[in-house]
Amino acid sequence: MTTTEQVYTINGFAPSGVTELVTAIQQDAAQAQMAFHATTAWVDGTRSLTRMTSFDWAGQAYTRDFSLTIDEPEELGGTNMGPNPQEVLLAGINSCILTTFVEHCSVEGIRLEKVEIHSTGTLDVRGLLKLDESIQAGYQDMRWTLTVKGDATPEKFQQMYEATIASSPNFWNLANPVKIVPSLRVEA
């Protein structure tokens, strides 16, 4: 007779996975090291294709197979075949905050019915186009609202939201200086 071990899940998430990861990292700090890779190639006009084929974790490569077409709206000279880079940035911060929030709630045993985040980034393209040197090229600000419904009190949800903001990697990446090492390779 074989037995199948049931894994407890809440909100589609298994909190035991976080517990096991924390234990593994406490025993070996190398278990905390990850590197994500993306390769983007120009297709035509403003359209590009980004592929994610692997990520590294604790010195081991794991295969991925995802691609994302990125383009500009027709109104900005593109062909509207995908989100633009600014929309992808918003999607990245939204998804990271949402995922982190769901994980925190799940670990605390909070059942969720709805979690949604709406974000807006405001951009003055005079900075991008170098029409006004006093205007930065990137977003002037980013705003979002996370809407949640579930079996916790508003105070508990606030606590989970604050824990999320304190631990979301993409929130940190945008709110703090990240060491960037750019380079250029010209092929002959």
C-alpha atoms as a PDB file:
ATOM      1  CA  MET A   1       0.000   0.000   0.000  1.00  0.00           C
ATOM      2  CA  THR A   2       1.335   3.414  -0.873  1.00  0.00           C
ATOM      3  CA  THR A   3       0.570   6.536   1.072  1.00  0.00           C
ATOM      4  CA  THR A   4       0.342   9.962  -0.414  1.00  0.00           C
ATOM      5  CA  GLU A   5       1.289  12.857   1.798  1.00  0.00           C
ATOM      6  CA  GLN A   6      -1.136  15.750   1.551  1.00  0.00           C
ATOM      7  CA  VAL A   7       0.489  19.177   1.409  1.00  0.00           C
ATOM      8  CA  TYR A   8      -1.496  21.907   3.129  1.00  0.00           C
ATOM      9  CA  THR A   9      -2.261  24.810   0.817  1.00  0.00           C
ATOM     10  CA  ILE A  10      -4.067  28.061   1.399  1.00  0.00           C
ATOM     11  CA  ASN A  11      -4.807  30.533  -1.374  1.00  0.00           C
ATOM     12  CA  GLY A  12      -3.104  28.103  -3.768  1.00  0.00           C
ATOM     13  CA  PHE A  13       0.146  28.439  -1.817  1.00  0.00           C
ATOM     14  CA  ALA A  14       1.921  25.897   0.409  1.00  0.00           C
ATOM     15  CA  PRO A  15       3.289  27.755   3.472  1.00  0.00           C
ATOM     16  CA  SER A  16       5.503  24.751   4.290  1.00  0.00           C
ATOM     17  CA  GLY A  17       7.638  25.660   1.275  1.00  0.00           C
ATOM     18  CA  VAL A  18       8.629  28.943   2.929  1.00  0.00           C
ATOM     19  CA  THR A  19       9.403  27.140   6.189  1.00  0.00           C
ATOM     20  CA  GLU A  20      11.570  24.597   4.366  1.00  0.00           C
ATOM     21  CA  LEU A  21      13.381  27.357   2.453  1.00  0.00           C
ATOM     22  CA  VAL A  22      14.095  29.304   5.643  1.00  0.00           C
ATOM     23  CA  THR A  23      15.473  26.171   7.304  1.00  0.00           C
ATOM     24  CA  ALA A  24      17.670  25.385   4.280  1.00  0.00           C
ATOM     25  CA  ILE A  25      19.050  28.947   4.196  1.00  0.00           C
ATOM     26  CA  GLN A  26      19.735  28.923   7.943  1.00  0.00           C
ATOM     27  CA  GLN A  27      21.760  25.737   7.445  1.00  0.00           C
ATOM     28  CA  ASP A  28      23.529  26.921   4.282  1.00  0.00           C
ATOM     29  CA  ALA A  29      23.591  30.597   3.216  1.00  0.00           C
ATOM     30  CA  ALA A  30      24.351  29.516  -0.370  1.00  0.00           C
ATOM     31  CA  GLN A  31      20.709  28.373  -0.570  1.00  0.00           C
ATOM     32  CA  ALA A  32      19.711  32.067  -0.556  1.00  0.00           C
ATOM     33  CA  GLN A  33      21.630  32.955  -3.721  1.00  0.00           C
ATOM     34  CA  MET A  34      19.608  33.359  -6.915  1.00  0.00           C
ATOM     35  CA  ALA A  35      20.277  34.978 -10.283  1.00  0.00           C
ATOM     36  CA  PHE A  36      17.656  35.610 -12.942  1.00  0.00           C
ATOM     37  CA  HIS A  37      18.505  36.054 -16.616  1.00  0.00           C
ATOM     38  CA  ALA A  38      16.733  37.689 -19.535  1.00  0.00           C
ATOM     39  CA  THR A  39      17.882  38.192 -23.117  1.00  0.00           C
ATOM     40  CA  THR A  40      16.130  40.788 -25.234  1.00  0.00           C
ATOM     41  CA  ALA A  41      16.576  41.016 -29.010  1.00  0.00           C
ATOM     42  CA  TRP A  42      15.340  43.720 -31.335  1.00  0.00           C
ATOM     43  CA  VAL A  43      12.723  42.446 -33.791  1.00  0.00           C
ATOM     44  CA  ASP A  44      11.645  45.504 -35.780  1.00  0.00           C
ATOM     45  CA  GLY A  45      10.804  49.147 -35.136  1.00  0.00           C
ATOM     46  CA  THR A  46      10.059  49.455 -31.424  1.00  0.00           C
ATOM     47  CA  ARG A  47       9.324  45.733 -30.988  1.00  0.00           C
ATOM     48  CA  SER A  48      11.605  43.398 -29.077  1.00  0.00           C
ATOM     49  CA  LEU A  49      11.423  39.837 -27.812  1.00  0.00           C
ATOM     50  CA  THR A  50      12.638  38.963 -24.351  1.00  0.00           C
ATOM     51  CA  ARG A  51      13.380  35.346 -23.457  1.00  0.00           C
ATOM     52  CA  MET A  52      13.885  33.875 -20.035  1.00  0.00           C
ATOM     53  CA  THR A  53      15.585  30.505 -20.397  1.00  0.00           C
ATOM     54  CA  SER A  54      17.060  29.829 -16.964  1.00  0.00           C
ATOM     55  CA  PHE A  55      17.658  31.019 -13.446  1.00  0.00           C
ATOM     56  CA  ASP A  56      20.381  30.038 -11.018  1.00  0.00           C
ATOM     57  CA  TRP A  57      19.744  28.951  -7.452  1.00  0.00           C
ATOM     58  CA  ALA A  58      22.449  27.898  -5.030  1.00  0.00           C
ATOM     59  CA  GLY A  59      24.891  27.313  -7.878  1.00  0.00           C
ATOM     60  CA  GLN A  60      22.535  25.184  -9.965  1.00  0.00           C
ATOM     61  CA  ALA A  61      20.816  26.283 -13.210  1.00  0.00           C
ATOM     62  CA  TYR A  62      17.105  25.652 -13.660  1.00  0.00           C
ATOM     63  CA  THR A  63      15.502  25.686 -17.088  1.00  0.00           C
ATOM     64  CA  ARG A  64      12.754  28.180 -17.909  1.00  0.00           C
ATOM     65  CA  ASP A  65      11.041  28.789 -21.230  1.00  0.00           C
ATOM     66  CA  PHE A  66       9.168  32.066 -21.352  1.00  0.00           C
ATOM     67  CA  SER A  67       9.097  34.877 -23.851  1.00  0.00           C
ATOM     68  CA  LEU A  68       7.570  38.311 -23.838  1.00  0.00           C
ATOM     69  CA  THR A  69       6.994  40.597 -26.797  1.00  0.00           C
ATOM     70  CA  ILE A  70       7.523  44.222 -25.848  1.00  0.00           C
ATOM     71  CA  ASP A  71       6.399  47.049 -28.104  1.00  0.00           C
ATOM     72  CA  GLU A  72       5.130  50.602 -28.041  1.00  0.00           C
ATOM     73  CA  PRO A  73       1.559  51.677 -28.720  1.00  0.00           C
ATOM     74  CA  GLU A  74       0.862  52.752 -32.305  1.00  0.00           C
ATOM     75  CA  GLU A  75       0.468  56.307 -30.995  1.00  0.00           C
ATOM     76  CA  LEU A  76       4.149  56.216 -29.966  1.00  0.00           C
ATOM     77  CA  GLY A  77       5.473  54.696 -33.196  1.00  0.00           C
ATOM     78  CA  GLY A  78       5.033  51.036 -32.328  1.00  0.00           C
ATOM     79  CA  THR A  79       2.865  48.235 -33.609  1.00  0.00           C
ATOM     80  CA  ASN A  80       1.020  47.605 -30.319  1.00  0.00           C
ATOM     81  CA  MET A  81       2.010  43.918 -30.253  1.00  0.00           C
ATOM     82  CA  GLY A  82       2.816  43.887 -26.541  1.00  0.00           C
ATOM     83  CA  PRO A  83       3.180  46.043 -23.454  1.00  0.00           C
ATOM     84  CA  ASN A  84       5.814  48.759 -23.531  1.00  0.00           C
ATOM     85  CA  PRO A  85       8.840  48.737 -21.175  1.00  0.00           C
ATOM     86  CA  GLN A  86       7.142  51.083 -18.699  1.00  0.00           C
ATOM     87  CA  GLU A  87       4.100  48.809 -18.535  1.00  0.00           C
ATOM     88  CA  VAL A  88       6.358  45.809 -18.010  1.00  0.00           C
ATOM     89  CA  LEU A  89       8.013  47.656 -15.110  1.00  0.00           C
ATOM     90  CA  LEU A  90       4.574  48.290 -13.573  1.00  0.00           C
ATOM     91  CA  ALA A  91       3.644  44.636 -14.104  1.00  0.00           C
ATOM     92  CA  GLY A  92       6.877  43.571 -12.387  1.00  0.00           C
ATOM     93  CA  ILE A  93       6.288  45.696  -9.292  1.00  0.00           C
ATOM     94  CA  ASN A  94       2.572  44.771  -9.191  1.00  0.00           C
ATOM     95  CA  SER A  95       3.270  41.043  -9.450  1.00  0.00           C
ATOM     96  CA  CYS A  96       6.034  41.127  -6.860  1.00  0.00           C
ATOM     97  CA  ILE A  97       3.934  43.015  -4.321  1.00  0.00           C
ATOM     98  CA  LEU A  98       0.895  40.829  -4.988  1.00  0.00           C
ATOM     99  CA  THR A  99       2.853  37.575  -4.715  1.00  0.00           C
ATOM    100  CA  THR A 100       4.642  38.688  -1.552  1.00  0.00           C
ATOM    101  CA  PHE A 101       1.340  39.803   0.012  1.00  0.00           C
ATOM    102  CA  VAL A 102      -0.349  36.473  -0.798  1.00  0.00           C
ATOM    103  CA  GLU A 103       2.624  34.567   0.654  1.00  0.00           C
ATOM    104  CA  HIS A 104       2.571  36.615   3.900  1.00  0.00           C
ATOM    105  CA  CYS A 105      -1.180  36.148   4.274  1.00  0.00           C
ATOM    106  CA  SER A 106      -0.959  32.426   3.523  1.00  0.00           C
ATOM    107  CA  VAL A 107       1.799  31.866   6.098  1.00  0.00           C
ATOM    108  CA  GLU A 108      -0.438  33.647   8.644  1.00  0.00           C
ATOM    109  CA  GLY A 109      -3.402  31.414   7.697  1.00  0.00           C
ATOM    110  CA  ILE A 110      -5.456  34.258   6.191  1.00  0.00           C
ATOM    111  CA  ARG A 111      -7.878  33.069   3.527  1.00  0.00           C
ATOM    112  CA  LEU A 112      -8.125  35.429   0.579  1.00  0.00           C
ATOM    113  CA  GLU A 113     -11.047  35.975  -1.781  1.00  0.00           C
ATOM    114  CA  LYS A 114      -9.549  38.800  -3.842  1.00  0.00           C
ATOM    115  CA  VAL A 115      -6.195  40.518  -4.189  1.00  0.00           C
ATOM    116  CA  GLU A 116      -5.740  43.117  -6.898  1.00  0.00           C
ATOM    117  CA  ILE A 117      -3.258  45.900  -7.422  1.00  0.00           C
ATOM    118  CA  HIS A 118      -3.780  48.850  -9.726  1.00  0.00           C
ATOM    119  CA  SER A 119      -0.746  50.987 -10.473  1.00  0.00           C
ATOM    120  CA  THR A 120       0.074  54.127 -12.412  1.00  0.00           C
ATOM    121  CA  GLY A 121       3.461  55.485 -13.356  1.00  0.00           C
ATOM    122  CA  THR A 122       3.646  59.054 -14.607  1.00  0.00           C
ATOM    123  CA  LEU A 123       6.244  59.864 -17.217  1.00  0.00           C
ATOM    124  CA  ASP A 124       7.253  63.174 -18.806  1.00  0.00           C
ATOM    125  CA  VAL A 125       8.771  62.197 -22.165  1.00  0.00           C
ATOM    126  CA  ARG A 126      10.659  65.499 -22.375  1.00  0.00           C
ATOM    127  CA  GLY A 127      13.268  63.758 -20.193  1.00  0.00           C
ATOM    128  CA  LEU A 128      13.455  60.714 -22.485  1.00  0.00           C
ATOM    129  CA  LEU A 129      13.739  62.921 -25.568  1.00  0.00           C
ATOM    130  CA  LYS A 130      16.279  65.239 -23.876  1.00  0.00           C
ATOM    131  CA  LEU A 131      14.041  68.256 -24.565  1.00  0.00           C
ATOM    132  CA  ASP A 132      14.417  69.523 -21.004  1.00  0.00           C
ATOM    133  CA  GLU A 133      17.557  68.562 -19.043  1.00  0.00           C
ATOM    134  CA  SER A 134      15.790  69.306 -15.734  1.00  0.00           C
ATOM    135  CA  ILE A 135      13.367  66.415 -16.272  1.00  0.00           C
ATOM    136  CA  GLN A 136      14.505  62.875 -15.516  1.00  0.00           C
ATOM    137  CA  ALA A 137      14.063  60.209 -18.166  1.00  0.00           C
ATOM    138  CA  GLY A 138      12.120  57.822 -15.932  1.00  0.00           C
ATOM    139  CA  TYR A 139       8.911  57.853 -13.971  1.00  0.00           C
ATOM    140  CA  GLN A 140       8.319  60.973 -11.925  1.00  0.00           C
ATOM    141  CA  ASP A 141       6.253  58.879  -9.544  1.00  0.00           C
ATOM    142  CA  MET A 142       4.566  55.525  -9.194  1.00  0.00           C
ATOM    143  CA  ARG A 143       1.334  54.995  -7.300  1.00  0.00           C
ATOM    144  CA  TRP A 144      -0.644  51.885  -6.565  1.00  0.00           C
ATOM    145  CA  THR A 145      -3.564  50.647  -4.550  1.00  0.00           C
ATOM    146  CA  LEU A 146      -3.755  47.077  -3.336  1.00  0.00           C
ATOM    147  CA  THR A 147      -7.343  45.917  -2.833  1.00  0.00           C
ATOM    148  CA  VAL A 148      -7.925  42.854  -0.703  1.00  0.00           C
ATOM    149  CA  LYS A 149     -10.883  40.839   0.533  1.00  0.00           C
ATOM    150  CA  GLY A 150     -10.554  37.939   2.930  1.00  0.00           C
ATOM    151  CA  ASP A 151     -11.022  36.695   6.466  1.00  0.00           C
ATOM    152  CA  ALA A 152      -8.657  39.074   8.287  1.00  0.00           C
ATOM    153  CA  THR A 153      -9.325  42.369  10.021  1.00  0.00           C
ATOM    154  CA  PRO A 154      -8.335  45.638   8.339  1.00  0.00           C
ATOM    155  CA  GLU A 155      -5.570  45.949  10.953  1.00  0.00           C
ATOM    156  CA  LYS A 156      -4.200  42.491  10.140  1.00  0.00           C
ATOM    157  CA  PHE A 157      -4.300  43.241   6.412  1.00  0.00           C
ATOM    158  CA  GLN A 158      -2.409  46.479   7.103  1.00  0.00           C
ATOM    159  CA  GLN A 159       0.197  44.490   9.024  1.00  0.00           C
ATOM    160  CA  MET A 160       0.538  42.063   6.086  1.00  0.00           C
ATOM    161  CA  TYR A 161       0.804  44.989   3.644  1.00  0.00           C
ATOM    162  CA  GLU A 162       3.569  46.637   5.696  1.00  0.00           C
ATOM    163  CA  ALA A 163       5.440  43.310   5.868  1.00  0.00           C
ATOM    164  CA  THR A 164       5.031  43.023   2.092  1.00  0.00           C
ATOM    165  CA  ILE A 165       6.474  46.481   1.409  1.00  0.00           C
ATOM    166  CA  ALA A 166       9.373  45.704   3.758  1.00  0.00           C
ATOM    167  CA  SER A 167      10.206  42.427   1.981  1.00  0.00           C
ATOM    168  CA  SER A 168       9.206  42.797  -1.687  1.00  0.00           C
ATOM    169  CA  PRO A 169      12.362  42.515  -3.832  1.00  0.00           C
ATOM    170  CA  ASN A 170      10.982  44.691  -6.638  1.00  0.00           C
ATOM    171  CA  PHE A 171       9.790  47.382  -4.233  1.00  0.00           C
ATOM    172  CA  TRP A 172      13.301  47.435  -2.793  1.00  0.00           C
ATOM    173  CA  ASN A 173      14.854  47.483  -6.280  1.00  0.00           C
ATOM    174  CA  LEU A 174      12.884  50.596  -7.199  1.00  0.00           C
ATOM    175  CA  ALA A 175      13.164  52.384  -3.859  1.00  0.00           C
ATOM    176  CA  ASN A 176      16.920  51.932  -3.367  1.00  0.00           C
ATOM    177  CA  PRO A 177      20.043  52.287  -5.454  1.00  0.00           C
ATOM    178  CA  VAL A 178      20.970  48.985  -7.091  1.00  0.00           C
ATOM    179  CA  LYS A 179      24.491  48.445  -8.345  1.00  0.00           C
ATOM    180  CA  ILE A 180      24.269  48.485 -12.131  1.00  0.00           C
ATOM    181  CA  VAL A 181      27.185  47.342 -14.291  1.00  0.00           C
ATOM    182  CA  PRO A 182      26.387  48.158 -17.925  1.00  0.00           C
ATOM    183  CA  SER A 183      28.659  47.283 -20.828  1.00  0.00           C
ATOM    184  CA  LEU A 184      28.627  47.463 -24.625  1.00  0.00           C
ATOM    185  CA  ARG A 185      29.952  44.874 -27.065  1.00  0.00           C
ATOM    186  CA  VAL A 186      30.220  45.849 -30.717  1.00  0.00           C
ATOM    187  CA  GLU A 187      30.370  42.973 -33.182  1.00  0.00           C
ATOM    188  CA  ALA A 188      32.430  43.347 -36.332  1.00  0.00           C
END
